[in-house]
Structure formats: structure tokens, C-alpha cells
Amino acid sequence: MKVKYFKDTDTALLEFSNRPIQETQAVNENVYLDLDAAGNLVSLTIEHATHTTTLPEVVVQQFDHQVAP
């Protein structure tokens, strides 16, 4: 996964795969989903990112799949 931020347009791009984009769907006027031919999420675009998210803070957490004792 890649997270890219374009300061000049205040746009955040989260890339989940490098599969070709078949379709783009608007969630609202600031959020767009890019899907591949099978309907899988390829990327997510957020316009006006600093106003609608907590950018520039990005935190990545990884959790191991374990059962609590």
C-alpha cells in the first residue's frame, strides 16, 4: 500500500494495488474509489485532504492475528 499526498492540490491518494483501474465511483464530492474489472478496490482519492482528514499525520498499525488468552 502506498500513501501519496499532493500538496499543490491538497489531494491524498491511497494505492492498494497496481491493478488497472476499470471504474471510478464517487462516494461524495471529495472521495473517489477506483475499482478494477472485478470490482476490487485499487485506490482511494481524497480531495481537500487536510480539511477532511488528519493529514499530515499518518499512522500505520499492524496487528498479528492472535486469539486472546
PDB file of N, CA and C in Angstrom:
ATOM      1  N   MET A   1       0.848  -1.170   0.000  1.00  0.00           N
ATOM      2  CA  MET A   1       0.000   0.000   0.000  1.00  0.00           C
ATOM      3  C   MET A   1       0.892   1.231   0.000  1.00  0.00           C
ATOM      4  N   LYS A   2       0.494   2.217  -0.779  1.00  0.00           N
ATOM      5  CA  LYS A   2       1.226   3.480  -0.846  1.00  0.00           C
ATOM      6  C   LYS A   2       0.263   4.611  -0.496  1.00  0.00           C
ATOM      7  N   VAL A   3       0.776   5.580   0.247  1.00  0.00           N
ATOM      8  CA  VAL A   3       0.016   6.790   0.537  1.00  0.00           C
ATOM      9  C   VAL A   3       0.788   7.953  -0.070  1.00  0.00           C
ATOM     10  N   LYS A   4       0.124   8.701  -0.942  1.00  0.00           N
ATOM     11  CA  LYS A   4       0.758   9.849  -1.585  1.00  0.00           C
ATOM     12  C   LYS A   4      -0.056  11.096  -1.264  1.00  0.00           C
ATOM     13  N   TYR A   5       0.652  12.205  -1.035  1.00  0.00           N
ATOM     14  CA  TYR A   5      -0.027  13.466  -0.777  1.00  0.00           C
ATOM     15  C   TYR A   5       0.506  14.509  -1.746  1.00  0.00           C
ATOM     16  N   PHE A   6      -0.406  15.163  -2.441  1.00  0.00           N
ATOM     17  CA  PHE A   6      -0.057  16.200  -3.402  1.00  0.00           C
ATOM     18  C   PHE A   6      -0.441  17.545  -2.791  1.00  0.00           C
ATOM     19  N   LYS A   7       0.570  18.239  -2.255  1.00  0.00           N
ATOM     20  CA  LYS A   7       0.328  19.473  -1.521  1.00  0.00           C
ATOM     21  C   LYS A   7      -0.301  20.558  -2.390  1.00  0.00           C
ATOM     22  N   ASP A   8       0.105  20.635  -3.656  1.00  0.00           N
ATOM     23  CA  ASP A   8      -0.400  21.696  -4.524  1.00  0.00           C
ATOM     24  C   ASP A   8      -1.905  21.617  -4.756  1.00  0.00           C
ATOM     25  N   THR A   9      -2.466  20.409  -4.684  1.00  0.00           N
ATOM     26  CA  THR A   9      -3.920  20.252  -4.872  1.00  0.00           C
ATOM     27  C   THR A   9      -4.615  19.775  -3.600  1.00  0.00           C
ATOM     28  N   ASP A  10      -3.862  19.585  -2.514  1.00  0.00           N
ATOM     29  CA  ASP A  10      -4.384  19.080  -1.238  1.00  0.00           C
ATOM     30  C   ASP A  10      -5.159  17.782  -1.450  1.00  0.00           C
ATOM     31  N   THR A  11      -4.515  16.864  -2.166  1.00  0.00           N
ATOM     32  CA  THR A  11      -5.121  15.579  -2.518  1.00  0.00           C
ATOM     33  C   THR A  11      -4.317  14.435  -1.930  1.00  0.00           C
ATOM     34  N   ALA A  12      -5.001  13.503  -1.279  1.00  0.00           N
ATOM     35  CA  ALA A  12      -4.368  12.286  -0.774  1.00  0.00           C
ATOM     36  C   ALA A  12      -4.781  11.124  -1.663  1.00  0.00           C
ATOM     37  N   LEU A  13      -3.821  10.280  -1.996  1.00  0.00           N
ATOM     38  CA  LEU A  13      -4.073   9.108  -2.827  1.00  0.00           C
ATOM     39  C   LEU A  13      -3.555   7.890  -2.087  1.00  0.00           C
ATOM     40  N   LEU A  14      -4.447   6.965  -1.793  1.00  0.00           N
ATOM     41  CA  LEU A  14      -4.072   5.710  -1.144  1.00  0.00           C
ATOM     42  C   LEU A  14      -4.159   4.617  -2.200  1.00  0.00           C
ATOM     43  N   GLU A  15      -3.041   4.018  -2.535  1.00  0.00           N
ATOM     44  CA  GLU A  15      -2.982   2.977  -3.556  1.00  0.00           C
ATOM     45  C   GLU A  15      -2.873   1.618  -2.880  1.00  0.00           C
ATOM     46  N   PHE A  16      -3.835   0.745  -3.154  1.00  0.00           N
ATOM     47  CA  PHE A  16      -3.876  -0.574  -2.531  1.00  0.00           C
ATOM     48  C   PHE A  16      -3.315  -1.669  -3.421  1.00  0.00           C
ATOM     49  N   SER A  17      -3.306  -1.445  -4.717  1.00  0.00           N
ATOM     50  CA  SER A  17      -2.734  -2.408  -5.657  1.00  0.00           C
ATOM     51  C   SER A  17      -2.345  -1.661  -6.917  1.00  0.00           C
ATOM     52  N   ASN A  18      -1.673  -2.367  -7.824  1.00  0.00           N
ATOM     53  CA  ASN A  18      -1.298  -1.748  -9.092  1.00  0.00           C
ATOM     54  C   ASN A  18      -2.120  -2.308 -10.262  1.00  0.00           C
ATOM     55  N   ARG A  19      -3.262  -2.913  -9.934  1.00  0.00           N
ATOM     56  CA  ARG A  19      -4.132  -3.435 -10.988  1.00  0.00           C
ATOM     57  C   ARG A  19      -4.709  -2.282 -11.808  1.00  0.00           C
ATOM     58  N   PRO A  20      -5.014  -2.513 -13.066  1.00  0.00           N
ATOM     59  CA  PRO A  20      -5.593  -1.450 -13.906  1.00  0.00           C
ATOM     60  C   PRO A  20      -6.965  -1.011 -13.371  1.00  0.00           C
ATOM     61  N   ILE A  21      -7.212   0.268 -13.424  1.00  0.00           N
ATOM     62  CA  ILE A  21      -8.490   0.827 -12.980  1.00  0.00           C
ATOM     63  C   ILE A  21      -9.515   0.680 -14.094  1.00  0.00           C
ATOM     64  N   GLN A  22     -10.647   0.094 -13.758  1.00  0.00           N
ATOM     65  CA  GLN A  22     -11.731  -0.101 -14.708  1.00  0.00           C
ATOM     66  C   GLN A  22     -12.817   0.963 -14.529  1.00  0.00           C
ATOM     67  N   GLU A  23     -13.031   1.378 -13.269  1.00  0.00           N
ATOM     68  CA  GLU A  23     -14.144   2.282 -12.980  1.00  0.00           C
ATOM     69  C   GLU A  23     -13.804   3.144 -11.767  1.00  0.00           C
ATOM     70  N   THR A  24     -14.271   4.382 -11.780  1.00  0.00           N
ATOM     71  CA  THR A  24     -14.145   5.270 -10.630  1.00  0.00           C
ATOM     72  C   THR A  24     -15.540   5.615 -10.135  1.00  0.00           C
ATOM     73  N   GLN A  25     -15.746   5.455  -8.827  1.00  0.00           N
ATOM     74  CA  GLN A  25     -17.041   5.766  -8.220  1.00  0.00           C
ATOM     75  C   GLN A  25     -16.859   6.896  -7.219  1.00  0.00           C
ATOM     76  N   ALA A  26     -17.741   7.879  -7.259  1.00  0.00           N
ATOM     77  CA  ALA A  26     -17.715   8.982  -6.309  1.00  0.00           C
ATOM     78  C   ALA A  26     -18.500   8.585  -5.073  1.00  0.00           C
ATOM     79  N   VAL A  27     -17.875   8.669  -3.913  1.00  0.00           N
ATOM     80  CA  VAL A  27     -18.558   8.443  -2.646  1.00  0.00           C
ATOM     81  C   VAL A  27     -19.276   9.725  -2.258  1.00  0.00           C
ATOM     82  N   ASN A  28     -18.588  10.852  -2.424  1.00  0.00           N
ATOM     83  CA  ASN A  28     -19.157  12.180  -2.256  1.00  0.00           C
ATOM     84  C   ASN A  28     -18.303  13.133  -3.091  1.00  0.00           C
ATOM     85  N   GLU A  29     -18.440  14.420  -2.894  1.00  0.00           N
ATOM     86  CA  GLU A  29     -17.719  15.362  -3.754  1.00  0.00           C
ATOM     87  C   GLU A  29     -16.210  15.395  -3.489  1.00  0.00           C
ATOM     88  N   ASN A  30     -15.740  14.762  -2.420  1.00  0.00           N
ATOM     89  CA  ASN A  30     -14.319  14.768  -2.092  1.00  0.00           C
ATOM     90  C   ASN A  30     -13.655  13.402  -2.078  1.00  0.00           C
ATOM     91  N   VAL A  31     -14.417  12.320  -2.194  1.00  0.00           N
ATOM     92  CA  VAL A  31     -13.861  10.972  -2.063  1.00  0.00           C
ATOM     93  C   VAL A  31     -14.239  10.126  -3.279  1.00  0.00           C
ATOM     94  N   TYR A  32     -13.218   9.499  -3.866  1.00  0.00           N
ATOM     95  CA  TYR A  32     -13.419   8.678  -5.060  1.00  0.00           C
ATOM     96  C   TYR A  32     -12.758   7.320  -4.884  1.00  0.00           C
ATOM     97  N   LEU A  33     -13.447   6.272  -5.313  1.00  0.00           N
ATOM     98  CA  LEU A  33     -12.929   4.908  -5.267  1.00  0.00           C
ATOM     99  C   LEU A  33     -12.603   4.457  -6.679  1.00  0.00           C
ATOM    100  N   ASP A  34     -11.426   3.905  -6.875  1.00  0.00           N
ATOM    101  CA  ASP A  34     -11.041   3.318  -8.156  1.00  0.00           C
ATOM    102  C   ASP A  34     -11.111   1.807  -8.018  1.00  0.00           C
ATOM    103  N   LEU A  35     -11.822   1.167  -8.930  1.00  0.00           N
ATOM    104  CA  LEU A  35     -12.044  -0.278  -8.881  1.00  0.00           C
ATOM    105  C   LEU A  35     -11.457  -0.958 -10.106  1.00  0.00           C
ATOM    106  N   ASP A  36     -11.037  -2.210  -9.943  1.00  0.00           N
ATOM    107  CA  ASP A  36     -10.559  -2.986 -11.081  1.00  0.00           C
ATOM    108  C   ASP A  36     -11.742  -3.661 -11.775  1.00  0.00           C
ATOM    109  N   ALA A  37     -11.477  -4.476 -12.773  1.00  0.00           N
ATOM    110  CA  ALA A  37     -12.536  -5.129 -13.560  1.00  0.00           C
ATOM    111  C   ALA A  37     -13.398  -6.062 -12.728  1.00  0.00           C
ATOM    112  N   ALA A  38     -12.856  -6.593 -11.625  1.00  0.00           N
ATOM    113  CA  ALA A  38     -13.617  -7.493 -10.751  1.00  0.00           C
ATOM    114  C   ALA A  38     -14.326  -6.744  -9.623  1.00  0.00           C
ATOM    115  N   GLY A  39     -14.207  -5.424  -9.594  1.00  0.00           N
ATOM    116  CA  GLY A  39     -14.852  -4.634  -8.549  1.00  0.00           C
ATOM    117  C   GLY A  39     -14.037  -4.483  -7.285  1.00  0.00           C
ATOM    118  N   ASN A  40     -12.763  -4.907  -7.321  1.00  0.00           N
ATOM    119  CA  ASN A  40     -11.875  -4.779  -6.162  1.00  0.00           C
ATOM    120  C   ASN A  40     -11.301  -3.370  -6.072  1.00  0.00           C
ATOM    121  N   LEU A  41     -11.109  -2.897  -4.850  1.00  0.00           N
ATOM    122  CA  LEU A  41     -10.571  -1.569  -4.630  1.00  0.00           C
ATOM    123  C   LEU A  41      -9.107  -1.497  -5.052  1.00  0.00           C
ATOM    124  N   VAL A  42      -8.797  -0.536  -5.917  1.00  0.00           N
ATOM    125  CA  VAL A  42      -7.430  -0.308  -6.373  1.00  0.00           C
ATOM    126  C   VAL A  42      -6.839   0.888  -5.642  1.00  0.00           C
ATOM    127  N   SER A  43      -7.617   1.993  -5.573  1.00  0.00           N
ATOM    128  CA  SER A  43      -7.126   3.180  -4.889  1.00  0.00           C
ATOM    129  C   SER A  43      -8.284   4.033  -4.385  1.00  0.00           C
ATOM    130  N   LEU A  44      -7.936   4.954  -3.506  1.00  0.00           N
ATOM    131  CA  LEU A  44      -8.894   5.857  -2.885  1.00  0.00           C
ATOM    132  C   LEU A  44      -8.307   7.257  -2.972  1.00  0.00           C
ATOM    133  N   THR A  45      -9.062   8.199  -3.510  1.00  0.00           N
ATOM    134  CA  THR A  45      -8.617   9.579  -3.628  1.00  0.00           C
ATOM    135  C   THR A  45      -9.450  10.453  -2.712  1.00  0.00           C
ATOM    136  N   ILE A  46      -8.771  11.328  -1.963  1.00  0.00           N
ATOM    137  CA  ILE A  46      -9.454  12.259  -1.070  1.00  0.00           C
ATOM    138  C   ILE A  46      -9.041  13.675  -1.444  1.00  0.00           C
ATOM    139  N   GLU A  47      -9.981  14.450  -1.945  1.00  0.00           N
ATOM    140  CA  GLU A  47      -9.744  15.854  -2.264  1.00  0.00           C
ATOM    141  C   GLU A  47      -9.890  16.683  -0.998  1.00  0.00           C
ATOM    142  N   HIS A  48      -9.221  17.842  -0.935  1.00  0.00           N
ATOM    143  CA  HIS A  48      -9.265  18.724   0.250  1.00  0.00           C
ATOM    144  C   HIS A  48      -8.875  17.923   1.493  1.00  0.00           C
ATOM    145  N   ALA A  49      -7.835  17.136   1.357  1.00  0.00           N
ATOM    146  CA  ALA A  49      -7.455  16.138   2.366  1.00  0.00           C
ATOM    147  C   ALA A  49      -7.159  16.735   3.740  1.00  0.00           C
ATOM    148  N   THR A  50      -6.524  17.891   3.803  1.00  0.00           N
ATOM    149  CA  THR A  50      -6.202  18.447   5.119  1.00  0.00           C
ATOM    150  C   THR A  50      -7.436  18.971   5.841  1.00  0.00           C
ATOM    151  N   HIS A  51      -8.522  19.170   5.111  1.00  0.00           N
ATOM    152  CA  HIS A  51      -9.762  19.634   5.725  1.00  0.00           C
ATOM    153  C   HIS A  51     -10.686  18.478   6.112  1.00  0.00           C
ATOM    154  N   THR A  52     -10.507  17.315   5.491  1.00  0.00           N
ATOM    155  CA  THR A  52     -11.411  16.192   5.730  1.00  0.00           C
ATOM    156  C   THR A  52     -10.751  15.005   6.430  1.00  0.00           C
ATOM    157  N   THR A  53      -9.428  15.092   6.670  1.00  0.00           N
ATOM    158  CA  THR A  53      -8.703  14.014   7.346  1.00  0.00           C
ATOM    159  C   THR A  53      -7.740  14.613   8.366  1.00  0.00           C
ATOM    160  N   THR A  54      -6.948  13.752   8.992  1.00  0.00           N
ATOM    161  CA  THR A  54      -5.953  14.227   9.953  1.00  0.00           C
ATOM    162  C   THR A  54      -4.571  14.393   9.335  1.00  0.00           C
ATOM    163  N   LEU A  55      -4.502  14.504   8.000  1.00  0.00           N
ATOM    164  CA  LEU A  55      -3.202  14.754   7.369  1.00  0.00           C
ATOM    165  C   LEU A  55      -2.628  16.036   7.934  1.00  0.00           C
ATOM    166  N   PRO A  56      -1.354  16.128   8.147  1.00  0.00           N
ATOM    167  CA  PRO A  56      -0.300  15.261   7.641  1.00  0.00           C
ATOM    168  C   PRO A  56       0.036  14.080   8.535  1.00  0.00           C
ATOM    169  N   GLU A  57      -0.701  13.852   9.605  1.00  0.00           N
ATOM    170  CA  GLU A  57      -0.407  12.720  10.477  1.00  0.00           C
ATOM    171  C   GLU A  57      -0.927  11.427   9.852  1.00  0.00           C
ATOM    172  N   VAL A  58      -0.031  10.489   9.646  1.00  0.00           N
ATOM    173  CA  VAL A  58      -0.405   9.175   9.118  1.00  0.00           C
ATOM    174  C   VAL A  58       0.189   8.127  10.056  1.00  0.00           C
ATOM    175  N   VAL A  59      -0.637   7.259  10.578  1.00  0.00           N
ATOM    176  CA  VAL A  59      -0.194   6.220  11.497  1.00  0.00           C
ATOM    177  C   VAL A  59      -0.548   4.868  10.882  1.00  0.00           C
ATOM    178  N   VAL A  60       0.420   3.971  10.871  1.00  0.00           N
ATOM    179  CA  VAL A  60       0.189   2.625  10.363  1.00  0.00           C
ATOM    180  C   VAL A  60       0.373   1.664  11.528  1.00  0.00           C
ATOM    181  N   GLN A  61      -0.631   0.835  11.766  1.00  0.00           N
ATOM    182  CA  GLN A  61      -0.553  -0.161  12.820  1.00  0.00           C
ATOM    183  C   GLN A  61      -0.741  -1.535  12.212  1.00  0.00           C
ATOM    184  N   GLN A  62       0.085  -2.463  12.626  1.00  0.00           N
ATOM    185  CA  GLN A  62      -0.038  -3.840  12.154  1.00  0.00           C
ATOM    186  C   GLN A  62      -0.369  -4.719  13.347  1.00  0.00           C
ATOM    187  N   PHE A  63      -1.366  -5.553  13.201  1.00  0.00           N
ATOM    188  CA  PHE A  63      -1.789  -6.438  14.270  1.00  0.00           C
ATOM    189  C   PHE A  63      -1.612  -7.876  13.830  1.00  0.00           C
ATOM    190  N   ASP A  64      -1.022  -8.679  14.708  1.00  0.00           N
ATOM    191  CA  ASP A  64      -0.919 -10.112  14.444  1.00  0.00           C
ATOM    192  C   ASP A  64      -2.277 -10.738  14.742  1.00  0.00           C
ATOM    193  N   HIS A  65      -2.643 -11.716  13.978  1.00  0.00           N
ATOM    194  CA  HIS A  65      -3.913 -12.398  14.177  1.00  0.00           C
ATOM    195  C   HIS A  65      -3.717 -13.440  15.265  1.00  0.00           C
ATOM    196  N   GLN A  66      -4.026 -13.061  16.510  1.00  0.00           N
ATOM    197  CA  GLN A  66      -3.869 -13.959  17.640  1.00  0.00           C
ATOM    198  C   GLN A  66      -5.144 -13.954  18.454  1.00  0.00           C
ATOM    199  N   VAL A  67      -5.398 -15.054  19.109  1.00  0.00           N
ATOM    200  CA  VAL A  67      -6.563 -15.167  19.981  1.00  0.00           C
ATOM    201  C   VAL A  67      -6.135 -14.788  21.383  1.00  0.00           C
ATOM    202  N   ALA A  68      -6.915 -13.946  22.041  1.00  0.00           N
ATOM    203  CA  ALA A  68      -6.589 -13.543  23.418  1.00  0.00           C
ATOM    204  C   ALA A  68      -6.694 -14.739  24.354  1.00  0.00           C
ATOM    205  N   PRO A  69      -5.790 -14.818  25.359  1.00  0.00           N
ATOM    206  CA  PRO A  69      -5.839 -15.970  26.295  1.00  0.00           C
ATOM    207  C   PRO A  69      -7.064 -15.966  27.158  1.00  0.00           C
TER     208      PRO A  69
END
